[in-house]
């Protein structure tokens, strides 16, 4: 490859990497505990396509309650199936979850969290109308990946 082309290719590659690296600088964790550490450098800021803020805050409250072991609040915010799945899955690493994405459509918001210790992903499905009205049981489903 001619030196001119390889030099320009290298410059574009460095510019692309710098742009991608800058995306990881704005990290906004949904802290499950007050002493949780910031996300690793590989984490990116939570991504969204216009999710309802009420549903995401509702999910964040559930994750915070789950992280500190507040069973009463967890029971108020999630369906019985979700509460049972969270209790069954609790392996002592529940305190360090970081919100990584949120998206909505057809009356639901899907919020994903990554465990900062195990790198496992937890996906929650939140019913927007119930979360907006601050009703009970808005978190309808939970799925653990990894």
N, C-alpha and C. Protein backbone atom coordinates (compact mmCIF):
# COMPACT_ATOMS: atom_id res chain seq x y z
N UNK A 1 0.86 -1.17 0.00
CA UNK A 1 0.00 0.00 0.00
C UNK A 1 0.90 1.23 0.00
N UNK A 2 0.63 2.21 -0.85
CA UNK A 2 1.46 3.41 -0.87
C UNK A 2 1.47 4.10 0.49
N UNK A 3 2.58 4.76 0.81
CA UNK A 3 2.74 5.42 2.12
C UNK A 3 1.68 6.49 2.33
N UNK A 4 1.30 7.20 1.27
CA UNK A 4 0.30 8.27 1.38
C UNK A 4 -1.04 7.70 1.87
N UNK A 5 -1.47 6.60 1.29
CA UNK A 5 -2.76 6.00 1.65
C UNK A 5 -2.71 5.44 3.07
N UNK A 6 -1.62 4.73 3.42
CA UNK A 6 -1.54 4.14 4.75
C UNK A 6 -1.46 5.21 5.83
N UNK A 7 -0.81 6.36 5.56
CA UNK A 7 -0.74 7.45 6.52
C UNK A 7 -2.12 8.03 6.77
N UNK A 8 -2.89 8.26 5.72
CA UNK A 8 -4.25 8.79 5.88
C UNK A 8 -5.16 7.79 6.58
N UNK A 9 -5.01 6.52 6.26
CA UNK A 9 -5.81 5.49 6.92
C UNK A 9 -5.52 5.47 8.41
N UNK A 10 -4.24 5.61 8.77
CA UNK A 10 -3.86 5.62 10.18
C UNK A 10 -4.45 6.83 10.90
N UNK A 11 -4.40 8.00 10.24
CA UNK A 11 -4.96 9.21 10.85
C UNK A 11 -6.46 9.06 11.09
N UNK A 12 -7.18 8.50 10.12
CA UNK A 12 -8.63 8.30 10.29
C UNK A 12 -8.92 7.29 11.40
N UNK A 13 -8.09 6.26 11.48
CA UNK A 13 -8.27 5.27 12.53
C UNK A 13 -8.09 5.87 13.91
N UNK A 14 -7.05 6.69 14.09
CA UNK A 14 -6.81 7.36 15.37
C UNK A 14 -7.96 8.30 15.70
N UNK A 15 -8.45 9.05 14.72
CA UNK A 15 -9.56 9.96 14.94
C UNK A 15 -10.82 9.21 15.35
N UNK A 16 -11.06 8.07 14.71
CA UNK A 16 -12.25 7.27 15.05
C UNK A 16 -12.15 6.72 16.46
N UNK A 17 -10.98 6.23 16.86
CA UNK A 17 -10.79 5.72 18.21
C UNK A 17 -10.95 6.83 19.25
N UNK A 18 -10.44 8.01 18.97
CA UNK A 18 -10.59 9.13 19.90
C UNK A 18 -12.05 9.50 20.08
N UNK A 19 -12.80 9.48 18.99
CA UNK A 19 -14.23 9.79 19.08
C UNK A 19 -14.98 8.76 19.90
N UNK A 20 -14.67 7.48 19.70
CA UNK A 20 -15.32 6.42 20.46
C UNK A 20 -14.92 6.49 21.94
N UNK A 21 -13.67 6.81 22.21
CA UNK A 21 -13.22 6.91 23.60
C UNK A 21 -13.94 8.03 24.33
N UNK A 22 -14.24 9.11 23.63
CA UNK A 22 -14.92 10.24 24.28
C UNK A 22 -16.33 9.89 24.70
N UNK A 23 -16.94 8.88 24.06
CA UNK A 23 -18.28 8.45 24.46
C UNK A 23 -18.28 7.84 25.85
N UNK A 24 -17.21 7.22 26.27
CA UNK A 24 -17.14 6.57 27.56
C UNK A 24 -16.89 7.52 28.71
N UNK A 25 -16.69 8.81 28.46
CA UNK A 25 -16.39 9.75 29.53
C UNK A 25 -17.61 10.16 30.33
N UNK A 26 -18.79 10.17 29.75
CA UNK A 26 -19.99 10.60 30.47
C UNK A 26 -20.75 9.37 30.93
N UNK A 27 -20.46 8.92 32.13
CA UNK A 27 -21.09 7.72 32.66
C UNK A 27 -22.03 8.13 33.78
N UNK A 28 -23.27 7.63 33.75
CA UNK A 28 -24.26 7.98 34.77
C UNK A 28 -24.82 6.74 35.43
N UNK A 29 -24.15 6.21 36.46
CA UNK A 29 -24.62 4.97 37.07
C UNK A 29 -25.90 5.17 37.87
N UNK A 30 -26.70 4.14 37.87
CA UNK A 30 -27.84 4.08 38.77
C UNK A 30 -27.33 3.35 39.98
N UNK A 31 -26.83 4.08 40.93
CA UNK A 31 -26.13 3.47 42.06
C UNK A 31 -27.09 2.73 42.96
N UNK A 32 -26.77 1.49 43.19
CA UNK A 32 -27.56 0.69 44.12
C UNK A 32 -27.07 0.93 45.53
N UNK A 33 -25.90 1.51 45.68
CA UNK A 33 -25.41 1.88 47.00
C UNK A 33 -24.63 3.17 46.86
N UNK A 34 -24.53 3.89 47.94
CA UNK A 34 -23.88 5.20 47.90
C UNK A 34 -22.39 5.09 47.64
N UNK A 35 -21.77 3.95 47.94
CA UNK A 35 -20.33 3.82 47.78
C UNK A 35 -19.93 3.06 46.54
N UNK A 36 -20.83 2.93 45.58
CA UNK A 36 -20.48 2.18 44.37
C UNK A 36 -19.46 2.94 43.55
N UNK A 37 -18.55 2.20 42.98
CA UNK A 37 -17.47 2.79 42.19
C UNK A 37 -17.97 3.15 40.80
N UNK A 38 -17.32 4.11 40.14
CA UNK A 38 -17.72 4.43 38.77
C UNK A 38 -17.48 3.23 37.85
N UNK A 39 -18.17 3.24 36.75
CA UNK A 39 -18.09 2.14 35.79
C UNK A 39 -16.70 2.06 35.19
N UNK A 40 -16.34 0.90 34.72
CA UNK A 40 -15.03 0.73 34.10
C UNK A 40 -14.96 1.53 32.81
N UNK A 41 -13.76 1.68 32.30
CA UNK A 41 -13.58 2.51 31.11
C UNK A 41 -14.28 1.93 29.89
N UNK A 42 -14.63 0.65 29.93
CA UNK A 42 -15.31 0.03 28.79
C UNK A 42 -16.78 0.39 28.75
N UNK A 43 -17.33 0.89 29.85
CA UNK A 43 -18.76 1.23 29.91
C UNK A 43 -19.02 2.53 29.16
N UNK A 44 -20.22 2.61 28.62
CA UNK A 44 -20.62 3.83 27.93
C UNK A 44 -21.75 4.47 28.70
N UNK A 45 -22.05 5.70 28.37
CA UNK A 45 -23.19 6.38 28.96
C UNK A 45 -24.46 5.64 28.57
N UNK A 46 -25.47 5.64 29.44
CA UNK A 46 -26.72 4.96 29.09
C UNK A 46 -27.28 5.49 27.77
N UNK A 47 -27.72 4.57 26.94
CA UNK A 47 -28.28 4.93 25.65
C UNK A 47 -29.79 4.92 25.73
N UNK A 48 -30.45 5.75 24.94
CA UNK A 48 -31.89 5.83 24.99
C UNK A 48 -32.44 6.34 23.66
N UNK A 49 -33.67 5.97 23.40
CA UNK A 49 -34.34 6.53 22.23
C UNK A 49 -35.60 7.25 22.69
N UNK A 50 -35.50 8.02 23.76
CA UNK A 50 -36.62 8.82 24.23
C UNK A 50 -37.52 8.10 25.21
N UNK A 51 -36.97 7.29 26.08
CA UNK A 51 -37.77 6.54 27.05
C UNK A 51 -38.44 7.49 28.04
N UNK A 52 -39.59 7.10 28.55
CA UNK A 52 -40.24 7.92 29.58
C UNK A 52 -39.38 7.97 30.84
N UNK A 53 -39.12 9.17 31.32
CA UNK A 53 -38.25 9.34 32.49
C UNK A 53 -38.84 8.67 33.72
N UNK A 54 -40.15 8.71 33.87
CA UNK A 54 -40.78 8.11 35.04
C UNK A 54 -40.52 6.62 35.15
N UNK A 55 -40.55 5.93 34.03
CA UNK A 55 -40.34 4.48 34.03
C UNK A 55 -38.89 4.14 34.38
N UNK A 56 -37.94 4.92 33.90
CA UNK A 56 -36.53 4.66 34.19
C UNK A 56 -36.25 4.95 35.66
N UNK A 57 -36.78 6.05 36.18
CA UNK A 57 -36.59 6.35 37.61
C UNK A 57 -37.21 5.25 38.47
N UNK A 58 -38.35 4.75 38.05
CA UNK A 58 -39.03 3.67 38.76
C UNK A 58 -38.14 2.43 38.80
N UNK A 59 -37.56 2.07 37.65
CA UNK A 59 -36.65 0.92 37.58
C UNK A 59 -35.41 1.16 38.44
N UNK A 60 -34.87 2.37 38.40
CA UNK A 60 -33.71 2.70 39.23
C UNK A 60 -34.03 2.53 40.72
N UNK A 61 -35.24 2.93 41.13
CA UNK A 61 -35.64 2.76 42.53
C UNK A 61 -35.67 1.28 42.90
N UNK A 62 -36.17 0.45 41.99
CA UNK A 62 -36.21 -0.99 42.25
C UNK A 62 -34.79 -1.53 42.41
N UNK A 63 -33.88 -1.15 41.54
CA UNK A 63 -32.50 -1.64 41.60
C UNK A 63 -31.82 -1.17 42.88
N UNK A 64 -32.07 0.06 43.28
CA UNK A 64 -31.51 0.58 44.53
C UNK A 64 -32.04 -0.23 45.72
N UNK A 65 -33.35 -0.45 45.76
CA UNK A 65 -33.94 -1.24 46.85
C UNK A 65 -33.39 -2.67 46.84
N UNK A 66 -33.26 -3.26 45.68
CA UNK A 66 -32.71 -4.60 45.55
C UNK A 66 -31.27 -4.64 46.07
N UNK A 67 -30.50 -3.62 45.74
CA UNK A 67 -29.10 -3.56 46.15
C UNK A 67 -28.90 -3.43 47.64
N UNK A 68 -29.81 -2.73 48.32
CA UNK A 68 -29.66 -2.56 49.77
C UNK A 68 -30.48 -3.58 50.55
N UNK A 69 -31.17 -4.45 49.84
CA UNK A 69 -31.94 -5.50 50.51
C UNK A 69 -33.26 -5.05 51.10
N UNK A 70 -33.87 -4.00 50.53
CA UNK A 70 -35.15 -3.49 51.02
C UNK A 70 -36.29 -4.27 50.36
N UNK A 71 -36.65 -5.39 50.96
CA UNK A 71 -37.66 -6.28 50.39
C UNK A 71 -39.03 -5.62 50.30
N UNK A 72 -39.36 -4.71 51.22
CA UNK A 72 -40.66 -4.05 51.20
C UNK A 72 -40.82 -3.21 49.95
N UNK A 73 -39.81 -2.42 49.61
CA UNK A 73 -39.88 -1.56 48.42
C UNK A 73 -39.84 -2.41 47.16
N UNK A 74 -39.01 -3.44 47.12
CA UNK A 74 -38.96 -4.33 45.97
C UNK A 74 -40.34 -4.92 45.72
N UNK A 75 -40.99 -5.36 46.78
CA UNK A 75 -42.33 -5.95 46.67
C UNK A 75 -43.36 -4.94 46.15
N UNK A 76 -43.20 -3.68 46.49
CA UNK A 76 -44.13 -2.63 46.03
C UNK A 76 -43.93 -2.30 44.55
N UNK A 77 -42.71 -2.36 44.07
CA UNK A 77 -42.39 -1.89 42.72
C UNK A 77 -42.49 -2.95 41.64
N UNK A 78 -42.48 -4.22 42.01
CA UNK A 78 -42.42 -5.29 41.01
C UNK A 78 -43.52 -6.32 41.24
N UNK A 79 -43.84 -7.05 40.18
CA UNK A 79 -44.82 -8.13 40.29
C UNK A 79 -44.24 -9.26 41.15
N UNK A 80 -45.10 -10.16 41.58
CA UNK A 80 -44.66 -11.28 42.41
C UNK A 80 -43.63 -12.14 41.69
N UNK A 81 -43.80 -12.33 40.38
CA UNK A 81 -42.85 -13.13 39.61
C UNK A 81 -41.46 -12.49 39.59
N UNK A 82 -41.42 -11.16 39.44
CA UNK A 82 -40.14 -10.44 39.43
C UNK A 82 -39.50 -10.50 40.81
N UNK A 83 -40.29 -10.29 41.86
CA UNK A 83 -39.77 -10.34 43.22
C UNK A 83 -39.16 -11.72 43.49
N UNK A 84 -39.85 -12.77 43.08
CA UNK A 84 -39.35 -14.13 43.28
C UNK A 84 -38.07 -14.37 42.49
N UNK A 85 -38.01 -13.89 41.26
CA UNK A 85 -36.81 -14.07 40.43
C UNK A 85 -35.62 -13.32 41.02
N UNK A 86 -35.85 -12.11 41.53
CA UNK A 86 -34.77 -11.34 42.15
C UNK A 86 -34.27 -12.04 43.41
N UNK A 87 -35.19 -12.53 44.24
CA UNK A 87 -34.81 -13.22 45.47
C UNK A 87 -34.03 -14.50 45.16
N UNK A 88 -34.47 -15.22 44.15
CA UNK A 88 -33.81 -16.47 43.76
C UNK A 88 -32.42 -16.20 43.21
N UNK A 89 -32.27 -15.10 42.50
CA UNK A 89 -31.01 -14.79 41.82
C UNK A 89 -30.01 -14.08 42.73
N UNK A 90 -30.43 -13.59 43.87
CA UNK A 90 -29.54 -12.82 44.75
C UNK A 90 -28.37 -13.69 45.18
N UNK A 91 -27.17 -13.30 44.70
CA UNK A 91 -25.98 -14.08 45.01
C UNK A 91 -24.92 -13.26 45.74
N UNK A 92 -25.33 -12.19 46.39
CA UNK A 92 -24.39 -11.36 47.13
C UNK A 92 -23.73 -10.27 46.31
N UNK A 93 -23.95 -10.25 45.00
CA UNK A 93 -23.36 -9.22 44.14
C UNK A 93 -24.42 -8.22 43.67
N UNK A 94 -25.47 -8.08 44.43
CA UNK A 94 -26.59 -7.25 43.99
C UNK A 94 -26.36 -5.76 44.17
N UNK A 95 -25.31 -5.35 44.81
CA UNK A 95 -25.15 -3.94 45.17
C UNK A 95 -24.59 -3.05 44.08
N UNK A 96 -23.92 -3.59 43.10
CA UNK A 96 -23.21 -2.74 42.14
C UNK A 96 -23.74 -2.90 40.73
N UNK A 97 -24.91 -2.34 40.48
CA UNK A 97 -25.54 -2.38 39.16
C UNK A 97 -25.46 -1.00 38.53
N UNK A 98 -25.17 -0.96 37.25
CA UNK A 98 -25.03 0.30 36.50
C UNK A 98 -26.01 0.26 35.33
N UNK A 99 -26.87 1.29 35.23
CA UNK A 99 -27.81 1.34 34.11
C UNK A 99 -27.03 1.58 32.82
N UNK A 100 -27.24 0.71 31.84
CA UNK A 100 -26.51 0.82 30.59
C UNK A 100 -27.38 1.21 29.41
N UNK A 101 -28.70 0.98 29.49
CA UNK A 101 -29.55 1.39 28.38
C UNK A 101 -31.01 1.44 28.82
N UNK A 102 -31.79 2.14 28.04
CA UNK A 102 -33.24 2.20 28.24
C UNK A 102 -33.88 2.52 26.90
N UNK A 103 -34.99 1.87 26.63
CA UNK A 103 -35.70 2.09 25.37
C UNK A 103 -37.18 1.85 25.64
N UNK A 104 -38.04 2.45 24.84
CA UNK A 104 -39.47 2.28 25.09
C UNK A 104 -40.23 2.09 23.79
N UNK A 105 -41.44 1.57 23.96
CA UNK A 105 -42.34 1.37 22.84
C UNK A 105 -43.55 0.58 23.28
N UNK A 106 -44.70 0.87 22.68
CA UNK A 106 -45.94 0.15 22.94
C UNK A 106 -46.30 0.08 24.43
N UNK A 107 -46.07 1.18 25.15
CA UNK A 107 -46.49 1.25 26.54
C UNK A 107 -45.52 0.67 27.56
N UNK A 108 -44.36 0.23 27.10
CA UNK A 108 -43.37 -0.36 28.00
C UNK A 108 -42.02 0.33 27.83
N UNK A 109 -41.20 0.27 28.89
CA UNK A 109 -39.81 0.69 28.81
C UNK A 109 -38.96 -0.48 29.24
N UNK A 110 -37.90 -0.73 28.48
CA UNK A 110 -36.97 -1.80 28.80
C UNK A 110 -35.69 -1.14 29.27
N UNK A 111 -35.27 -1.50 30.48
CA UNK A 111 -34.09 -0.89 31.10
C UNK A 111 -33.09 -2.01 31.39
N UNK A 112 -31.85 -1.78 30.99
CA UNK A 112 -30.79 -2.77 31.21
C UNK A 112 -29.77 -2.24 32.20
N UNK A 113 -29.29 -3.13 33.04
CA UNK A 113 -28.26 -2.83 34.03
C UNK A 113 -27.16 -3.87 33.89
N UNK A 114 -25.92 -3.45 34.13
CA UNK A 114 -24.79 -4.37 34.12
C UNK A 114 -24.19 -4.39 35.52
N UNK A 115 -23.93 -5.58 36.04
CA UNK A 115 -23.31 -5.73 37.34
C UNK A 115 -21.83 -5.40 37.21
N UNK A 116 -21.36 -4.47 38.02
CA UNK A 116 -19.97 -4.01 37.91
C UNK A 116 -18.97 -5.05 38.42
N UNK A 117 -19.44 -6.04 39.18
CA UNK A 117 -18.55 -7.08 39.70
C UNK A 117 -18.52 -8.31 38.80
N UNK A 118 -19.70 -8.75 38.34
CA UNK A 118 -19.79 -10.00 37.58
C UNK A 118 -19.98 -9.78 36.08
N UNK A 119 -20.28 -8.57 35.67
CA UNK A 119 -20.55 -8.20 34.27
C UNK A 119 -21.82 -8.85 33.72
N UNK A 120 -22.64 -9.37 34.60
CA UNK A 120 -23.92 -9.94 34.20
C UNK A 120 -24.88 -8.80 33.85
N UNK A 121 -25.80 -9.04 32.96
CA UNK A 121 -26.77 -8.03 32.54
C UNK A 121 -28.15 -8.41 33.07
N UNK A 122 -28.86 -7.42 33.61
CA UNK A 122 -30.23 -7.60 34.07
C UNK A 122 -31.12 -6.69 33.23
N UNK A 123 -32.13 -7.26 32.58
CA UNK A 123 -33.08 -6.49 31.78
C UNK A 123 -34.43 -6.46 32.49
N UNK A 124 -34.97 -5.25 32.67
CA UNK A 124 -36.27 -5.07 33.29
C UNK A 124 -37.27 -4.54 32.27
N UNK A 125 -38.52 -5.01 32.37
CA UNK A 125 -39.60 -4.48 31.55
C UNK A 125 -40.55 -3.74 32.48
N UNK A 126 -40.76 -2.44 32.20
CA UNK A 126 -41.56 -1.58 33.06
C UNK A 126 -42.79 -1.10 32.29
N UNK A 127 -43.94 -1.19 32.90
CA UNK A 127 -45.19 -0.69 32.30
C UNK A 127 -45.25 0.81 32.52
N UNK A 128 -45.18 1.60 31.45
CA UNK A 128 -45.08 3.05 31.53
C UNK A 128 -46.23 3.71 32.30
N UNK A 129 -47.46 3.32 32.01
CA UNK A 129 -48.61 3.98 32.63
C UNK A 129 -48.61 3.79 34.15
N UNK A 130 -48.25 2.61 34.59
CA UNK A 130 -48.23 2.35 36.04
C UNK A 130 -47.08 3.11 36.69
N UNK A 131 -45.92 3.12 36.07
CA UNK A 131 -44.76 3.81 36.62
C UNK A 131 -44.99 5.31 36.69
N UNK A 132 -45.62 5.88 35.66
CA UNK A 132 -45.90 7.31 35.63
C UNK A 132 -46.85 7.71 36.75
N UNK A 133 -47.82 6.84 37.02
CA UNK A 133 -48.78 7.11 38.10
C UNK A 133 -48.24 6.69 39.46
N UNK A 134 -46.98 6.22 39.50
CA UNK A 134 -46.32 5.76 40.72
C UNK A 134 -47.12 4.66 41.40
N UNK A 135 -47.73 3.83 40.57
CA UNK A 135 -48.51 2.70 41.08
C UNK A 135 -47.62 1.54 41.46
N UNK A 136 -48.26 0.50 41.93
CA UNK A 136 -47.53 -0.70 42.35
C UNK A 136 -47.31 -1.63 41.16
N UNK A 137 -46.29 -2.45 41.28
CA UNK A 137 -46.04 -3.53 40.32
C UNK A 137 -45.79 -3.08 38.88
N UNK A 138 -45.14 -1.97 38.67
CA UNK A 138 -44.87 -1.52 37.30
C UNK A 138 -43.78 -2.34 36.62
N UNK A 139 -42.86 -2.92 37.40
CA UNK A 139 -41.83 -3.77 36.79
C UNK A 139 -42.45 -5.14 36.58
N UNK A 140 -42.64 -5.48 35.32
CA UNK A 140 -43.41 -6.66 34.95
C UNK A 140 -42.56 -7.90 34.70
N UNK A 141 -41.33 -7.72 34.23
CA UNK A 141 -40.47 -8.85 33.89
C UNK A 141 -39.02 -8.53 34.22
N UNK A 142 -38.27 -9.58 34.53
CA UNK A 142 -36.82 -9.46 34.73
C UNK A 142 -36.15 -10.63 33.99
N UNK A 143 -35.01 -10.33 33.39
CA UNK A 143 -34.24 -11.36 32.69
C UNK A 143 -32.77 -11.12 33.00
N UNK A 144 -32.07 -12.19 33.38
CA UNK A 144 -30.64 -12.13 33.62
C UNK A 144 -29.90 -12.78 32.46
N UNK A 145 -28.87 -12.11 31.96
CA UNK A 145 -28.09 -12.61 30.83
C UNK A 145 -26.63 -12.64 31.25
N UNK A 146 -26.01 -13.77 31.04
CA UNK A 146 -24.57 -13.87 31.28
C UNK A 146 -24.27 -14.41 32.58
